[in-house]
Amino acid sequence: MATFNPLKFLREVRQEAGRVTWPSRRETTVSTIMVLVLVVIASIFFLVTDATIAFAVEWVLGMSK
């Protein structure tokens, strides 16, 4: 079984973190805005879909009275 060396681990973590390409502030802002817009669009879509299905179910169940 391999032994665990915390110092070696931390050195490797620093080395790997140095290889990461971090996004710029502009890229982060644009991505965040895109996510928020898509969340709003998806919310509206599911609101309309849910209301349509609820109306259809009430209409079908109301026909049996």
Protein backbone atom coordinates (compact mmCIF):
# COMPACT_ATOMS: atom_id res chain seq x y z
CA MET A 1 0.00 0.00 0.00
CA ALA A 2 1.34 3.43 -0.94
CA THR A 3 2.17 5.88 1.81
CA PHE A 4 0.58 9.29 1.87
CA ASN A 5 2.93 12.28 1.86
CA PRO A 6 0.99 15.51 2.55
CA LEU A 7 3.81 17.78 1.36
CA LYS A 8 4.12 15.96 -1.95
CA PHE A 9 0.35 16.11 -2.35
CA LEU A 10 0.28 19.88 -1.77
CA ARG A 11 3.12 20.41 -4.26
CA GLU A 12 1.23 18.42 -6.89
CA VAL A 13 -1.96 20.36 -6.19
CA ARG A 14 -0.12 23.68 -6.66
CA GLN A 15 1.42 22.39 -9.87
CA GLU A 16 -1.95 21.32 -11.26
CA ALA A 17 -3.62 24.60 -10.21
CA GLY A 18 -0.95 26.45 -12.18
CA ARG A 19 -1.97 24.58 -15.33
CA VAL A 20 -5.61 25.63 -15.06
CA THR A 21 -6.83 28.23 -17.55
CA TRP A 22 -9.01 30.53 -15.48
CA PRO A 23 -11.79 32.50 -17.21
CA SER A 24 -11.59 36.27 -17.36
CA ARG A 25 -14.03 38.49 -15.50
CA ARG A 26 -15.81 39.24 -18.80
CA GLU A 27 -16.20 35.54 -19.66
CA THR A 28 -17.57 34.84 -16.18
CA THR A 29 -20.05 37.73 -16.42
CA VAL A 30 -21.28 36.69 -19.88
CA SER A 31 -21.69 33.05 -18.78
CA THR A 32 -23.60 34.10 -15.66
CA ILE A 33 -25.97 36.31 -17.66
CA MET A 34 -26.55 33.50 -20.16
CA VAL A 35 -27.41 31.07 -17.37
CA LEU A 36 -29.84 33.52 -15.78
CA VAL A 37 -31.57 34.22 -19.12
CA LEU A 38 -31.92 30.50 -19.85
CA VAL A 39 -33.33 29.88 -16.35
CA VAL A 40 -35.98 32.55 -16.94
CA ILE A 41 -36.85 31.07 -20.36
CA ALA A 42 -37.07 27.54 -18.92
CA SER A 43 -39.23 28.79 -16.02
CA ILE A 44 -41.68 30.46 -18.39
CA PHE A 45 -41.80 27.36 -20.59
CA PHE A 46 -42.57 25.06 -17.65
CA LEU A 47 -45.13 27.51 -16.24
CA VAL A 48 -47.02 27.55 -19.56
CA THR A 49 -46.70 23.78 -19.97
CA ASP A 50 -47.96 23.11 -16.44
CA ALA A 51 -50.91 25.47 -16.87
CA THR A 52 -51.83 23.85 -20.20
CA ILE A 53 -51.70 20.33 -18.77
CA ALA A 54 -53.69 21.39 -15.68
CA PHE A 55 -56.34 22.96 -17.90
CA ALA A 56 -56.51 19.83 -20.08
CA VAL A 57 -56.84 17.51 -17.08
CA GLU A 58 -59.56 19.66 -15.51
CA TRP A 59 -61.40 19.76 -18.85
CA VAL A 60 -61.21 15.95 -19.29
CA LEU A 61 -62.26 15.24 -15.71
CA GLY A 62 -65.01 17.84 -15.90
CA MET A 63 -66.58 16.12 -18.89
CA SER A 64 -67.65 13.14 -16.76
CA LYS A 65 -70.00 15.20 -14.56
